[in-house]
């Protein structure tokens, strides 16, 4: 199975989602079952590195995106993916208009977050460090929920208890999120 995370420029949100997903899959030896990629749909997309501050922020959390270079979403990428996972409804509409072949493959990442209070993961105009934390905190539980949904489906199981190592992380996150609010 191949997942493709998509945002506007492929230098921030989709990079965080791809990096987190790769980390979780590797930790639980699922990287050969589920492949991960990312792409962007904006005009400035192509061969850009994520900002140094983001690379450092993610490295502090055990996520290496140092080799990442942005790339544009293509028909070929869509053809090889089972799921195209987007950050906002606007991006999803743009992908479906630009690439009709993506029909039936797209979904919003926040759909997989058990605590999401809104469907979109947007970039805010806050100081960079606060914005990174906010986006990371929005993506983290959604990626865990996505992995839960996929592994449950792949294994023909419906309960998270079938994958306790992964979902201990999600349960811990949910418990901590409730105590923060």
Protein backbone atom coordinates (compact mmCIF):
# COMPACT_ATOMS: atom_id res chain seq x y z
CA UNK A 1 0.00 0.00 0.00
CA UNK A 2 1.22 3.50 -0.83
CA UNK A 3 0.17 6.72 0.91
CA UNK A 4 0.88 10.20 -0.42
CA UNK A 5 0.56 13.20 1.89
CA UNK A 6 -0.22 16.43 0.04
CA UNK A 7 -0.08 20.10 1.00
CA UNK A 8 0.56 23.28 -0.93
CA UNK A 9 4.36 23.51 -1.30
CA UNK A 10 5.49 20.12 0.08
CA UNK A 11 7.88 21.80 2.52
CA UNK A 12 5.89 21.85 5.77
CA UNK A 13 2.64 20.00 6.57
CA UNK A 14 3.04 17.10 4.16
CA UNK A 15 6.69 16.78 5.22
CA UNK A 16 5.69 16.56 8.89
CA UNK A 17 3.00 13.98 8.09
CA UNK A 18 5.31 11.90 5.90
CA UNK A 19 8.11 12.03 8.48
CA UNK A 20 5.85 11.05 11.38
CA UNK A 21 4.29 8.25 9.38
CA UNK A 22 7.68 6.87 8.32
CA UNK A 23 8.88 7.00 11.94
CA UNK A 24 5.83 5.13 13.30
CA UNK A 25 5.91 2.55 10.51
CA UNK A 26 9.62 1.89 11.00
CA UNK A 27 9.29 1.60 14.79
CA UNK A 28 6.65 -1.09 14.31
CA UNK A 29 8.29 -2.79 11.32
CA UNK A 30 5.51 -1.86 8.91
CA UNK A 31 7.55 0.19 6.42
CA UNK A 32 7.61 -2.70 3.93
CA UNK A 33 3.82 -3.07 4.06
CA UNK A 34 2.95 0.63 3.85
CA UNK A 35 5.02 2.97 1.68
CA UNK A 36 4.90 6.71 2.20
CA UNK A 37 5.52 9.72 -0.03
CA UNK A 38 4.52 13.38 -0.18
CA UNK A 39 3.92 16.05 -2.80
CA UNK A 40 2.60 19.56 -3.26
CA UNK A 41 0.05 21.26 -5.48
CA UNK A 42 1.28 24.87 -5.35
CA UNK A 43 3.08 26.82 -8.03
CA UNK A 44 6.30 27.11 -6.01
CA UNK A 45 6.66 23.38 -5.58
CA UNK A 46 9.84 21.70 -6.74
CA UNK A 47 13.25 20.76 -5.33
CA UNK A 48 13.01 22.92 -2.20
CA UNK A 49 14.18 21.79 1.22
CA UNK A 50 12.09 22.30 4.34
CA UNK A 51 13.26 25.29 6.38
CA UNK A 52 16.22 24.63 8.66
CA UNK A 53 14.12 25.47 11.72
CA UNK A 54 11.60 22.76 10.73
CA UNK A 55 14.35 20.22 10.06
CA UNK A 56 15.77 20.90 13.54
CA UNK A 57 12.32 20.82 15.17
CA UNK A 58 11.60 17.41 13.64
CA UNK A 59 15.10 16.07 14.35
CA UNK A 60 14.53 16.82 18.05
CA UNK A 61 11.56 14.45 17.79
CA UNK A 62 13.49 11.70 16.03
CA UNK A 63 12.30 12.54 12.52
CA UNK A 64 14.92 13.07 9.83
CA UNK A 65 13.74 15.08 6.81
CA UNK A 66 17.19 16.33 5.85
CA UNK A 67 17.12 14.64 2.44
CA UNK A 68 13.59 15.79 1.54
CA UNK A 69 13.12 17.87 -1.60
CA UNK A 70 9.70 19.17 -2.54
CA UNK A 71 7.97 17.80 -5.59
CA UNK A 72 4.74 18.46 -7.39
CA UNK A 73 1.85 16.00 -7.34
CA UNK A 74 1.65 14.24 -10.70
CA UNK A 75 -0.66 11.87 -12.50
CA UNK A 76 2.00 9.18 -12.09
CA UNK A 77 2.12 9.68 -8.31
CA UNK A 78 -1.66 9.43 -8.12
CA UNK A 79 -1.61 6.28 -10.24
CA UNK A 80 0.75 4.50 -7.85
CA UNK A 81 -1.03 5.59 -4.64
CA UNK A 82 -3.89 3.91 -2.85
CA UNK A 83 -4.54 7.02 -0.73
CA UNK A 84 -3.95 10.72 -1.37
CA UNK A 85 -4.11 12.39 2.05
CA UNK A 86 -4.65 16.15 2.10
CA UNK A 87 -4.46 18.84 4.74
CA UNK A 88 -7.44 21.03 3.72
CA UNK A 89 -10.76 20.77 1.91
CA UNK A 90 -9.57 23.43 -0.56
CA UNK A 91 -6.55 21.29 -1.47
CA UNK A 92 -8.78 18.26 -1.90
CA UNK A 93 -11.06 20.16 -4.29
CA UNK A 94 -8.05 21.40 -6.28
CA UNK A 95 -6.61 17.88 -6.58
CA UNK A 96 -9.95 16.44 -7.74
CA UNK A 97 -10.40 19.18 -10.36
CA UNK A 98 -6.79 18.92 -11.60
CA UNK A 99 -6.56 15.13 -11.41
CA UNK A 100 -9.91 13.40 -11.99
CA UNK A 101 -8.09 10.06 -11.60
CA UNK A 102 -7.70 10.86 -7.88
CA UNK A 103 -11.44 10.37 -7.37
CA UNK A 104 -12.01 7.78 -4.66
CA UNK A 105 -8.42 8.02 -3.40
CA UNK A 106 -8.51 11.35 -1.54
CA UNK A 107 -9.26 12.04 2.09
CA UNK A 108 -8.44 14.66 4.69
CA UNK A 109 -5.80 13.72 7.26
CA UNK A 110 -7.82 15.12 10.17
CA UNK A 111 -10.52 12.56 9.45
CA UNK A 112 -8.34 10.10 11.37
CA UNK A 113 -7.91 12.27 14.48
CA UNK A 114 -10.27 11.14 17.26
CA UNK A 115 -10.24 14.62 18.84
CA UNK A 116 -10.35 16.82 15.73
CA UNK A 117 -12.70 19.75 16.10
CA UNK A 118 -12.27 20.93 12.50
CA UNK A 119 -11.43 19.16 9.22
CA UNK A 120 -8.52 21.30 8.00
CA UNK A 121 -4.90 21.56 9.12
CA UNK A 122 -4.07 25.12 8.18
CA UNK A 123 -0.89 27.14 8.49
CA UNK A 124 -1.44 30.06 10.80
CA UNK A 125 0.42 33.37 10.85
CA UNK A 126 1.88 32.91 14.31
CA UNK A 127 5.56 32.97 15.23
CA UNK A 128 7.26 30.08 13.45
CA UNK A 129 7.93 27.99 16.57
CA UNK A 130 4.30 28.23 17.71
CA UNK A 131 3.02 27.44 14.22
CA UNK A 132 5.26 24.36 13.96
CA UNK A 133 4.07 23.08 17.33
CA UNK A 134 0.41 23.68 16.43
CA UNK A 135 0.71 21.91 13.07
CA UNK A 136 2.75 19.05 14.57
CA UNK A 137 0.14 18.62 17.33
CA UNK A 138 -2.64 18.51 14.71
CA UNK A 139 -0.83 16.01 12.49
CA UNK A 140 0.49 13.61 15.17
CA UNK A 141 -2.81 12.05 16.31
CA UNK A 142 -4.19 12.05 12.78
CA UNK A 143 -1.21 10.05 11.48
CA UNK A 144 -1.56 7.57 14.35
CA UNK A 145 -5.28 7.24 13.60
CA UNK A 146 -4.52 6.76 9.91
CA UNK A 147 -2.06 3.96 10.67
CA UNK A 148 -4.64 2.38 12.96
CA UNK A 149 -7.28 2.45 10.24
CA UNK A 150 -4.97 1.09 7.56
CA UNK A 151 -3.41 -1.69 9.62
CA UNK A 152 -6.81 -2.75 10.93
CA UNK A 153 -8.10 -2.94 7.36
CA UNK A 154 -5.01 -4.69 6.02
CA UNK A 155 -5.14 -7.28 8.77
CA UNK A 156 -8.90 -7.73 8.47
CA UNK A 157 -9.35 -6.58 12.04
CA UNK A 158 -11.55 -3.83 13.41
CA UNK A 159 -10.11 -3.21 16.88
CA UNK A 160 -7.02 -1.23 17.80
CA UNK A 161 -6.21 -3.90 20.40
CA UNK A 162 -4.86 -6.00 17.54
CA UNK A 163 -1.96 -3.55 17.21
CA UNK A 164 -1.32 -2.57 20.84
CA UNK A 165 2.19 -1.19 20.34
CA UNK A 166 1.10 1.47 17.89
CA UNK A 167 -2.09 2.39 19.64
CA UNK A 168 -0.53 2.79 23.04
CA UNK A 169 0.94 5.95 21.49
CA UNK A 170 -2.48 7.11 20.29
CA UNK A 171 -4.18 6.35 23.61
CA UNK A 172 -1.43 8.22 25.44
CA UNK A 173 -1.80 11.20 23.13
CA UNK A 174 -5.58 11.28 23.56
CA UNK A 175 -5.27 11.08 27.37
CA UNK A 176 -2.72 13.91 27.41
CA UNK A 177 -4.82 16.02 25.03
CA UNK A 178 -7.84 15.72 27.31
CA UNK A 179 -5.79 16.88 30.29
CA UNK A 180 -4.46 19.88 28.32
CA UNK A 181 -7.93 21.21 27.47
